[in-house]
């Protein structure tokens, strides 16, 4: 794959990583220097049953979103590491090149279309 294409994808991945980290921080998610994760959810200040129920509902909704954002962040981090190690664009299952069209559509792909179809039994 051409270096210019990899550089373009890398820039997009870095931008998306920064956005995800910002979004997670806004939601109270953090990771300390030991790699321990925490989610701090601020209280609304109300102590009624309705206030507490609303806080729990909001937290449950945001926990699902936090997990999705964390997964996306992990995928981006893996893709950036593969770029750094010179392994980006190579299928982790068969070792063949991943189509540039696939990487343009899903820059965090770590498998080629054929292997992905096999894994998800779409063949």
C-alpha atoms as a PDB file:
ATOM      1  CA  UNK A   1       0.000   0.000   0.000  1.00  0.00           C
ATOM      2  CA  UNK A   2       1.248   3.466  -0.828  1.00  0.00           C
ATOM      3  CA  UNK A   3       2.702   5.489   2.024  1.00  0.00           C
ATOM      4  CA  UNK A   4       0.534   8.506   1.137  1.00  0.00           C
ATOM      5  CA  UNK A   5      -2.613   6.424   1.659  1.00  0.00           C
ATOM      6  CA  UNK A   6      -1.316   5.082   4.968  1.00  0.00           C
ATOM      7  CA  UNK A   7      -0.445   8.617   6.100  1.00  0.00           C
ATOM      8  CA  UNK A   8      -3.950   9.803   5.230  1.00  0.00           C
ATOM      9  CA  UNK A   9      -5.565   6.915   7.106  1.00  0.00           C
ATOM     10  CA  UNK A  10      -3.241   7.487  10.067  1.00  0.00           C
ATOM     11  CA  UNK A  11      -4.273  11.147  10.279  1.00  0.00           C
ATOM     12  CA  UNK A  12      -7.957  10.165  10.233  1.00  0.00           C
ATOM     13  CA  UNK A  13      -7.382   7.524  12.917  1.00  0.00           C
ATOM     14  CA  UNK A  14      -5.510   9.995  15.138  1.00  0.00           C
ATOM     15  CA  UNK A  15      -8.322  12.556  14.768  1.00  0.00           C
ATOM     16  CA  UNK A  16     -10.931   9.935  15.628  1.00  0.00           C
ATOM     17  CA  UNK A  17      -8.874   8.739  18.598  1.00  0.00           C
ATOM     18  CA  UNK A  18      -8.687  12.274  19.993  1.00  0.00           C
ATOM     19  CA  UNK A  19     -12.450  12.699  19.527  1.00  0.00           C
ATOM     20  CA  UNK A  20     -13.216   9.408  21.289  1.00  0.00           C
ATOM     21  CA  UNK A  21     -10.904  10.244  24.190  1.00  0.00           C
ATOM     22  CA  UNK A  22     -12.579  13.639  24.540  1.00  0.00           C
ATOM     23  CA  UNK A  23     -16.070  12.116  24.427  1.00  0.00           C
ATOM     24  CA  UNK A  24     -15.134   9.508  27.030  1.00  0.00           C
ATOM     25  CA  UNK A  25     -13.626  12.156  29.303  1.00  0.00           C
ATOM     26  CA  UNK A  26     -16.799  14.236  28.980  1.00  0.00           C
ATOM     27  CA  UNK A  27     -18.769  11.215  30.173  1.00  0.00           C
ATOM     28  CA  UNK A  28     -16.567  10.828  33.259  1.00  0.00           C
ATOM     29  CA  UNK A  29     -14.475   7.916  31.946  1.00  0.00           C
ATOM     30  CA  UNK A  30     -10.787   7.914  32.746  1.00  0.00           C
ATOM     31  CA  UNK A  31      -7.765   5.631  32.898  1.00  0.00           C
ATOM     32  CA  UNK A  32      -5.093   6.195  35.536  1.00  0.00           C
ATOM     33  CA  UNK A  33      -1.347   5.658  35.116  1.00  0.00           C
ATOM     34  CA  UNK A  34      -1.733   1.994  36.180  1.00  0.00           C
ATOM     35  CA  UNK A  35      -4.243   1.397  33.387  1.00  0.00           C
ATOM     36  CA  UNK A  36      -7.160   1.147  35.805  1.00  0.00           C
ATOM     37  CA  UNK A  37     -10.423   2.399  34.364  1.00  0.00           C
ATOM     38  CA  UNK A  38     -13.023   4.416  36.209  1.00  0.00           C
ATOM     39  CA  UNK A  39     -16.321   6.043  35.417  1.00  0.00           C
ATOM     40  CA  UNK A  40     -17.367   8.926  37.635  1.00  0.00           C
ATOM     41  CA  UNK A  41     -20.946   9.964  37.199  1.00  0.00           C
ATOM     42  CA  UNK A  42     -21.910  13.258  38.813  1.00  0.00           C
ATOM     43  CA  UNK A  43     -25.047  13.365  40.920  1.00  0.00           C
ATOM     44  CA  UNK A  44     -27.815  15.718  39.887  1.00  0.00           C
ATOM     45  CA  UNK A  45     -28.122  17.028  43.411  1.00  0.00           C
ATOM     46  CA  UNK A  46     -31.654  15.760  43.909  1.00  0.00           C
ATOM     47  CA  UNK A  47     -32.412  13.062  46.424  1.00  0.00           C
ATOM     48  CA  UNK A  48     -35.973  12.165  45.517  1.00  0.00           C
ATOM     49  CA  UNK A  49     -36.800   8.715  44.211  1.00  0.00           C
ATOM     50  CA  UNK A  50     -37.591  10.247  40.817  1.00  0.00           C
ATOM     51  CA  UNK A  51     -34.200  11.994  40.683  1.00  0.00           C
ATOM     52  CA  UNK A  52     -32.397   8.808  41.699  1.00  0.00           C
ATOM     53  CA  UNK A  53     -34.309   6.727  39.166  1.00  0.00           C
ATOM     54  CA  UNK A  54     -33.461   9.220  36.415  1.00  0.00           C
ATOM     55  CA  UNK A  55     -29.765   9.150  37.395  1.00  0.00           C
ATOM     56  CA  UNK A  56     -29.689   5.340  37.263  1.00  0.00           C
ATOM     57  CA  UNK A  57     -31.435   5.288  33.879  1.00  0.00           C
ATOM     58  CA  UNK A  58     -29.069   7.869  32.436  1.00  0.00           C
ATOM     59  CA  UNK A  59     -26.048   6.042  33.815  1.00  0.00           C
ATOM     60  CA  UNK A  60     -27.218   2.728  32.334  1.00  0.00           C
ATOM     61  CA  UNK A  61     -27.703   4.344  28.936  1.00  0.00           C
ATOM     62  CA  UNK A  62     -24.313   6.025  29.059  1.00  0.00           C
ATOM     63  CA  UNK A  63     -22.554   2.833  30.214  1.00  0.00           C
ATOM     64  CA  UNK A  64     -23.599   1.162  26.936  1.00  0.00           C
ATOM     65  CA  UNK A  65     -22.267   4.114  24.989  1.00  0.00           C
ATOM     66  CA  UNK A  66     -19.032   4.147  27.016  1.00  0.00           C
ATOM     67  CA  UNK A  67     -18.455   0.459  26.189  1.00  0.00           C
ATOM     68  CA  UNK A  68     -18.998   1.142  22.465  1.00  0.00           C
ATOM     69  CA  UNK A  69     -16.632   4.120  22.534  1.00  0.00           C
ATOM     70  CA  UNK A  70     -14.008   2.084  24.428  1.00  0.00           C
ATOM     71  CA  UNK A  71     -14.224  -0.705  21.826  1.00  0.00           C
ATOM     72  CA  UNK A  72     -13.821   1.813  19.008  1.00  0.00           C
ATOM     73  CA  UNK A  73     -10.844   3.372  20.816  1.00  0.00           C
ATOM     74  CA  UNK A  74      -9.197  -0.060  21.258  1.00  0.00           C
ATOM     75  CA  UNK A  75      -9.651  -0.799  17.533  1.00  0.00           C
ATOM     76  CA  UNK A  76      -8.118   2.547  16.567  1.00  0.00           C
ATOM     77  CA  UNK A  77      -5.212   2.057  18.967  1.00  0.00           C
ATOM     78  CA  UNK A  78      -4.521  -1.372  17.441  1.00  0.00           C
ATOM     79  CA  UNK A  79      -4.638   0.064  13.918  1.00  0.00           C
ATOM     80  CA  UNK A  80      -2.239   2.880  14.843  1.00  0.00           C
ATOM     81  CA  UNK A  81       0.128   0.343  16.414  1.00  0.00           C
ATOM     82  CA  UNK A  82      -0.009  -1.761  13.232  1.00  0.00           C
ATOM     83  CA  UNK A  83       0.895   1.342  11.211  1.00  0.00           C
ATOM     84  CA  UNK A  84       3.802   2.068  13.547  1.00  0.00           C
ATOM     85  CA  UNK A  85       5.052  -1.530  13.298  1.00  0.00           C
ATOM     86  CA  UNK A  86       4.667  -1.612   9.498  1.00  0.00           C
ATOM     87  CA  UNK A  87       1.987  -4.308   9.680  1.00  0.00           C
ATOM     88  CA  UNK A  88      -1.005  -2.182   8.710  1.00  0.00           C
ATOM     89  CA  UNK A  89      -3.147  -3.468   5.879  1.00  0.00           C
ATOM     90  CA  UNK A  90      -2.102  -7.091   6.350  1.00  0.00           C
ATOM     91  CA  UNK A  91      -4.781  -9.633   7.285  1.00  0.00           C
ATOM     92  CA  UNK A  92      -4.088 -11.114  10.700  1.00  0.00           C
ATOM     93  CA  UNK A  93      -5.500 -14.487   9.600  1.00  0.00           C
ATOM     94  CA  UNK A  94      -4.086 -15.194   6.153  1.00  0.00           C
ATOM     95  CA  UNK A  95      -1.248 -12.656   5.926  1.00  0.00           C
ATOM     96  CA  UNK A  96      -2.443 -11.243   2.608  1.00  0.00           C
ATOM     97  CA  UNK A  97      -2.962  -7.548   1.881  1.00  0.00           C
ATOM     98  CA  UNK A  98      -6.308  -6.048   2.864  1.00  0.00           C
ATOM     99  CA  UNK A  99      -8.005  -4.222   0.001  1.00  0.00           C
ATOM    100  CA  UNK A 100      -7.405  -0.450   0.070  1.00  0.00           C
ATOM    101  CA  UNK A 101     -11.147  -0.021  -0.566  1.00  0.00           C
ATOM    102  CA  UNK A 102     -11.903  -2.012   2.606  1.00  0.00           C
ATOM    103  CA  UNK A 103      -9.417   0.049   4.607  1.00  0.00           C
ATOM    104  CA  UNK A 104     -10.873   3.269   3.236  1.00  0.00           C
ATOM    105  CA  UNK A 105     -14.334   2.153   4.346  1.00  0.00           C
ATOM    106  CA  UNK A 106     -13.193   0.676   7.670  1.00  0.00           C
ATOM    107  CA  UNK A 107      -9.668   1.836   8.583  1.00  0.00           C
ATOM    108  CA  UNK A 108      -9.571  -0.356  11.694  1.00  0.00           C
ATOM    109  CA  UNK A 109     -10.023  -3.584   9.712  1.00  0.00           C
ATOM    110  CA  UNK A 110      -7.532  -6.241  10.663  1.00  0.00           C
ATOM    111  CA  UNK A 111      -8.809  -8.920   8.304  1.00  0.00           C
ATOM    112  CA  UNK A 112      -9.411  -9.200   4.600  1.00  0.00           C
ATOM    113  CA  UNK A 113     -12.929  -9.618   3.261  1.00  0.00           C
ATOM    114  CA  UNK A 114     -12.474 -13.336   2.531  1.00  0.00           C
ATOM    115  CA  UNK A 115     -11.318 -14.126   6.079  1.00  0.00           C
ATOM    116  CA  UNK A 116     -14.032 -11.933   7.594  1.00  0.00           C
ATOM    117  CA  UNK A 117     -16.679 -13.753   5.571  1.00  0.00           C
ATOM    118  CA  UNK A 118     -15.260 -17.087   6.686  1.00  0.00           C
ATOM    119  CA  UNK A 119     -15.251 -15.999  10.320  1.00  0.00           C
ATOM    120  CA  UNK A 120     -18.828 -14.783  10.152  1.00  0.00           C
ATOM    121  CA  UNK A 121     -19.851 -17.736   7.955  1.00  0.00           C
ATOM    122  CA  UNK A 122     -21.193 -15.561   5.154  1.00  0.00           C
ATOM    123  CA  UNK A 123     -19.780 -17.726   2.389  1.00  0.00           C
END
